[in-house]
Amino acid sequence: MTISAQQFRVDYPEFSGTEKFPNSAVTFWLGIAYQMLNADRWGNQLDIGAELFVAHNLAIEARAQLEASKGGIPGSQVGPINSKSVDKVSIGYDTSAGLELNAGHWNLTVYGTRFIRICRMMGAGPLFIGVGAVPVGSGLAWPGPSTIPSMN
């Protein structure tokens, strides 16, 4: 893990409030991020991915805590608001403009949409198919790149 809770707060000052976003929560989500994200695939963008992962999850947790403080059920899913009315005034937004297709819960925060957009880029790139050497011990067909970091 290369990003600390303190560095995360420098990079994302909107999460600087340690009462609402305690160091233990930031550290917890950083640990999960570094376990979940493949360092070989993310390369020098790993810390950015980890920070967006943390920001997304902290925002979701804050929403759950706010709901609980109002007597609601924490953890209830709430999608983007696309219409709101107060008395005779009504406003609507095209929420689809900021959403990533098939991104599920990642669309619940701007950090999640940024994360999933970069995450999808980490899997992009050239793929060469053709004549070549089959790795030793892999059988008749190449099974793909090894998932063991030392074997890549």
C-alpha atoms as a PDB file:
ATOM      1  CA  MET A   1       0.000   0.000   0.000  1.00  0.00           C
ATOM      2  CA  THR A   2       1.587   3.265  -1.056  1.00  0.00           C
ATOM      3  CA  ILE A   3      -1.170   5.811  -0.367  1.00  0.00           C
ATOM      4  CA  SER A   4      -1.762   6.710   3.272  1.00  0.00           C
ATOM      5  CA  ALA A   5      -4.952   8.123   4.774  1.00  0.00           C
ATOM      6  CA  GLN A   6      -3.162  11.479   5.071  1.00  0.00           C
ATOM      7  CA  GLN A   7      -2.150  11.489   1.378  1.00  0.00           C
ATOM      8  CA  PHE A   8      -5.680  10.484   0.390  1.00  0.00           C
ATOM      9  CA  ARG A   9      -7.018  13.521   2.295  1.00  0.00           C
ATOM     10  CA  VAL A  10      -4.516  15.796   0.516  1.00  0.00           C
ATOM     11  CA  ASP A  11      -5.580  14.444  -2.882  1.00  0.00           C
ATOM     12  CA  TYR A  12      -9.304  14.469  -1.998  1.00  0.00           C
ATOM     13  CA  PRO A  13      -9.788  17.346   0.479  1.00  0.00           C
ATOM     14  CA  GLU A  14     -13.564  16.862   0.449  1.00  0.00           C
ATOM     15  CA  PHE A  15     -12.868  13.851   2.695  1.00  0.00           C
ATOM     16  CA  SER A  16     -10.713  15.802   5.161  1.00  0.00           C
ATOM     17  CA  GLY A  17     -13.264  15.687   7.998  1.00  0.00           C
ATOM     18  CA  THR A  18     -11.949  12.962  10.298  1.00  0.00           C
ATOM     19  CA  GLU A  19     -15.194  12.827  12.279  1.00  0.00           C
ATOM     20  CA  LYS A  20     -17.283  11.982   9.223  1.00  0.00           C
ATOM     21  CA  PHE A  21     -14.476  10.058   7.488  1.00  0.00           C
ATOM     22  CA  PRO A  22     -12.271   8.552  10.231  1.00  0.00           C
ATOM     23  CA  ASN A  23      -8.750   7.381   9.463  1.00  0.00           C
ATOM     24  CA  SER A  24      -9.830   3.827  10.270  1.00  0.00           C
ATOM     25  CA  ALA A  25     -12.421   3.911   7.464  1.00  0.00           C
ATOM     26  CA  VAL A  26      -9.977   5.419   4.955  1.00  0.00           C
ATOM     27  CA  THR A  27      -7.311   2.865   5.905  1.00  0.00           C
ATOM     28  CA  PHE A  28      -9.840   0.023   5.724  1.00  0.00           C
ATOM     29  CA  TRP A  29     -10.940   0.923   2.183  1.00  0.00           C
ATOM     30  CA  LEU A  30      -7.334   1.523   1.082  1.00  0.00           C
ATOM     31  CA  GLY A  31      -6.493  -2.000   2.239  1.00  0.00           C
ATOM     32  CA  ILE A  32      -9.429  -3.447   0.304  1.00  0.00           C
ATOM     33  CA  ALA A  33      -8.512  -1.429  -2.797  1.00  0.00           C
ATOM     34  CA  TYR A  34      -4.925  -2.644  -2.837  1.00  0.00           C
ATOM     35  CA  GLN A  35      -6.127  -6.229  -2.386  1.00  0.00           C
ATOM     36  CA  MET A  36      -8.716  -5.973  -5.157  1.00  0.00           C
ATOM     37  CA  LEU A  37      -6.803  -4.050  -7.826  1.00  0.00           C
ATOM     38  CA  ASN A  38      -4.243  -5.934  -9.891  1.00  0.00           C
ATOM     39  CA  ALA A  39      -0.974  -3.986  -9.581  1.00  0.00           C
ATOM     40  CA  ASP A  40       0.419  -5.561 -12.760  1.00  0.00           C
ATOM     41  CA  ARG A  41      -2.571  -4.414 -14.790  1.00  0.00           C
ATOM     42  CA  TRP A  42      -2.924  -0.950 -13.201  1.00  0.00           C
ATOM     43  CA  GLY A  43       0.793  -0.171 -13.296  1.00  0.00           C
ATOM     44  CA  ASN A  44       1.623   3.422 -12.313  1.00  0.00           C
ATOM     45  CA  GLN A  45      -2.113   4.246 -12.139  1.00  0.00           C
ATOM     46  CA  LEU A  46      -2.677   1.906  -9.176  1.00  0.00           C
ATOM     47  CA  ASP A  47      -2.732   4.683  -6.566  1.00  0.00           C
ATOM     48  CA  ILE A  48      -5.262   6.703  -8.587  1.00  0.00           C
ATOM     49  CA  GLY A  49      -7.488   3.644  -8.873  1.00  0.00           C
ATOM     50  CA  ALA A  50      -7.156   2.943  -5.158  1.00  0.00           C
ATOM     51  CA  GLU A  51      -8.043   6.526  -4.224  1.00  0.00           C
ATOM     52  CA  LEU A  52     -11.128   6.558  -6.473  1.00  0.00           C
ATOM     53  CA  PHE A  53     -12.171   3.187  -5.036  1.00  0.00           C
ATOM     54  CA  VAL A  54     -11.833   4.607  -1.512  1.00  0.00           C
ATOM     55  CA  ALA A  55     -13.641   7.865  -2.323  1.00  0.00           C
ATOM     56  CA  HIS A  56     -16.553   5.962  -3.866  1.00  0.00           C
ATOM     57  CA  ASN A  57     -16.916   3.672  -0.865  1.00  0.00           C
ATOM     58  CA  LEU A  58     -16.553   6.492   1.673  1.00  0.00           C
ATOM     59  CA  ALA A  59     -19.284   8.466  -0.107  1.00  0.00           C
ATOM     60  CA  ILE A  60     -21.591   5.435  -0.070  1.00  0.00           C
ATOM     61  CA  GLU A  61     -20.854   4.880   3.645  1.00  0.00           C
ATOM     62  CA  ALA A  62     -21.518   8.561   4.430  1.00  0.00           C
ATOM     63  CA  ARG A  63     -24.881   8.317   2.678  1.00  0.00           C
ATOM     64  CA  ALA A  64     -25.743   5.223   4.738  1.00  0.00           C
ATOM     65  CA  GLN A  65     -24.743   6.981   7.981  1.00  0.00           C
ATOM     66  CA  LEU A  66     -26.827  10.043   7.088  1.00  0.00           C
ATOM     67  CA  GLU A  67     -29.827   7.848   6.380  1.00  0.00           C
ATOM     68  CA  ALA A  68     -29.386   6.035   9.703  1.00  0.00           C
ATOM     69  CA  SER A  69     -29.090   9.341  11.591  1.00  0.00           C
ATOM     70  CA  LYS A  70     -32.510  10.344  10.214  1.00  0.00           C
ATOM     71  CA  GLY A  71     -34.069   7.080  11.365  1.00  0.00           C
ATOM     72  CA  GLY A  72     -33.898   5.445   7.948  1.00  0.00           C
ATOM     73  CA  ILE A  73     -32.425   2.143   6.924  1.00  0.00           C
ATOM     74  CA  PRO A  74     -28.686   2.423   6.210  1.00  0.00           C
ATOM     75  CA  GLY A  75     -27.430   0.840   3.030  1.00  0.00           C
ATOM     76  CA  SER A  76     -30.549   1.393   0.960  1.00  0.00           C
ATOM     77  CA  GLN A  77     -29.720   1.919  -2.700  1.00  0.00           C
ATOM     78  CA  VAL A  78     -30.434   5.402  -4.018  1.00  0.00           C
ATOM     79  CA  GLY A  79     -29.866   6.173  -7.668  1.00  0.00           C
ATOM     80  CA  PRO A  80     -29.210   9.559  -9.251  1.00  0.00           C
ATOM     81  CA  ILE A  81     -32.087  12.032  -8.901  1.00  0.00           C
ATOM     82  CA  ASN A  82     -33.473  13.097 -12.256  1.00  0.00           C
ATOM     83  CA  SER A  83     -36.438  15.176 -11.103  1.00  0.00           C
ATOM     84  CA  LYS A  84     -37.346  17.244  -8.045  1.00  0.00           C
ATOM     85  CA  SER A  85     -40.341  19.427  -7.213  1.00  0.00           C
ATOM     86  CA  VAL A  86     -40.861  21.973  -4.446  1.00  0.00           C
ATOM     87  CA  ASP A  87     -44.238  23.731  -4.477  1.00  0.00           C
ATOM     88  CA  LYS A  88     -44.719  24.922  -8.061  1.00  0.00           C
ATOM     89  CA  VAL A  89     -41.051  24.711  -9.031  1.00  0.00           C
ATOM     90  CA  SER A  90     -39.783  21.580 -10.763  1.00  0.00           C
ATOM     91  CA  ILE A  91     -36.356  20.711 -12.113  1.00  0.00           C
ATOM     92  CA  GLY A  92     -35.055  17.664 -13.975  1.00  0.00           C
ATOM     93  CA  TYR A  93     -31.630  16.572 -15.166  1.00  0.00           C
ATOM     94  CA  ASP A  94     -30.422  14.133 -17.793  1.00  0.00           C
ATOM     95  CA  THR A  95     -28.673  11.789 -15.376  1.00  0.00           C
ATOM     96  CA  SER A  96     -27.684   9.390 -18.148  1.00  0.00           C
ATOM     97  CA  ALA A  97     -25.107  11.901 -19.409  1.00  0.00           C
ATOM     98  CA  GLY A  98     -22.851  11.222 -16.415  1.00  0.00           C
ATOM     99  CA  LEU A  99     -23.397   7.480 -16.119  1.00  0.00           C
ATOM    100  CA  GLU A 100     -21.196   4.671 -17.361  1.00  0.00           C
ATOM    101  CA  LEU A 101     -23.055   1.940 -19.232  1.00  0.00           C
ATOM    102  CA  ASN A 102     -23.385  -1.321 -17.267  1.00  0.00           C
ATOM    103  CA  ALA A 103     -21.428   0.088 -14.313  1.00  0.00           C
ATOM    104  CA  GLY A 104     -23.964  -0.854 -11.639  1.00  0.00           C
ATOM    105  CA  HIS A 105     -23.266   0.630  -8.210  1.00  0.00           C
ATOM    106  CA  TRP A 106     -20.221   2.508  -9.534  1.00  0.00           C
ATOM    107  CA  ASN A 107     -22.700   4.986 -11.029  1.00  0.00           C
ATOM    108  CA  LEU A 108     -23.866   6.004  -7.547  1.00  0.00           C
ATOM    109  CA  THR A 109     -20.957   8.455  -7.117  1.00  0.00           C
ATOM    110  CA  VAL A 110     -18.791  10.571  -9.403  1.00  0.00           C
ATOM    111  CA  TYR A 111     -15.782   8.766  -7.930  1.00  0.00           C
ATOM    112  CA  GLY A 112     -17.268   5.440  -8.975  1.00  0.00           C
ATOM    113  CA  THR A 113     -17.873   6.561 -12.553  1.00  0.00           C
ATOM    114  CA  ARG A 114     -14.303   7.861 -12.747  1.00  0.00           C
ATOM    115  CA  PHE A 115     -13.029   4.610 -11.253  1.00  0.00           C
ATOM    116  CA  ILE A 116     -14.936   2.354 -13.637  1.00  0.00           C
ATOM    117  CA  ARG A 117     -13.909   4.465 -16.645  1.00  0.00           C
ATOM    118  CA  ILE A 118     -10.219   4.111 -15.753  1.00  0.00           C
ATOM    119  CA  CYS A 119     -10.721   0.476 -14.734  1.00  0.00           C
ATOM    120  CA  ARG A 120     -12.061  -0.321 -18.181  1.00  0.00           C
ATOM    121  CA  MET A 121      -9.015   1.319 -19.739  1.00  0.00           C
ATOM    122  CA  MET A 122      -6.740  -0.913 -17.703  1.00  0.00           C
ATOM    123  CA  GLY A 123      -8.111  -3.888 -19.634  1.00  0.00           C
ATOM    124  CA  ALA A 124      -7.793  -2.164 -23.002  1.00  0.00           C
ATOM    125  CA  GLY A 125      -4.820  -2.491 -25.250  1.00  0.00           C
ATOM    126  CA  PRO A 126      -3.469  -4.579 -28.070  1.00  0.00           C
ATOM    127  CA  LEU A 127      -3.966  -8.307 -28.145  1.00  0.00           C
ATOM    128  CA  PHE A 128      -1.844 -10.339 -30.509  1.00  0.00           C
ATOM    129  CA  ILE A 129      -3.192 -13.630 -31.767  1.00  0.00           C
ATOM    130  CA  GLY A 130      -1.223 -15.741 -34.160  1.00  0.00           C
ATOM    131  CA  VAL A 131       1.697 -18.068 -34.511  1.00  0.00           C
ATOM    132  CA  GLY A 132       3.963 -18.138 -31.519  1.00  0.00           C
ATOM    133  CA  ALA A 133       5.497 -20.311 -28.882  1.00  0.00           C
ATOM    134  CA  VAL A 134       3.292 -22.098 -26.405  1.00  0.00           C
ATOM    135  CA  PRO A 135       4.510 -21.576 -22.812  1.00  0.00           C
ATOM    136  CA  VAL A 136       6.105 -24.680 -21.364  1.00  0.00           C
ATOM    137  CA  GLY A 137       3.735 -26.818 -19.333  1.00  0.00           C
ATOM    138  CA  SER A 138       0.582 -25.097 -20.525  1.00  0.00           C
ATOM    139  CA  GLY A 139      -0.756 -28.016 -22.575  1.00  0.00           C
ATOM    140  CA  LEU A 140      -1.907 -27.878 -26.170  1.00  0.00           C
ATOM    141  CA  ALA A 141      -3.435 -24.411 -25.977  1.00  0.00           C
ATOM    142  CA  TRP A 142      -2.201 -21.272 -24.303  1.00  0.00           C
ATOM    143  CA  PRO A 143      -4.496 -20.593 -21.297  1.00  0.00           C
ATOM    144  CA  GLY A 144      -3.787 -16.854 -21.304  1.00  0.00           C
ATOM    145  CA  PRO A 145      -1.520 -14.762 -19.135  1.00  0.00           C
ATOM    146  CA  SER A 146      -0.661 -16.152 -15.745  1.00  0.00           C
ATOM    147  CA  THR A 147      -2.508 -14.650 -12.793  1.00  0.00           C
ATOM    148  CA  ILE A 148       0.524 -15.262 -10.581  1.00  0.00           C
ATOM    149  CA  PRO A 149       2.586 -12.016 -10.595  1.00  0.00           C
ATOM    150  CA  SER A 150       5.956 -13.794 -10.566  1.00  0.00           C
ATOM    151  CA  MET A 151       4.982 -15.815 -13.648  1.00  0.00           C
ATOM    152  CA  ASN A 152       4.224 -12.842 -15.941  1.00  0.00           C
END
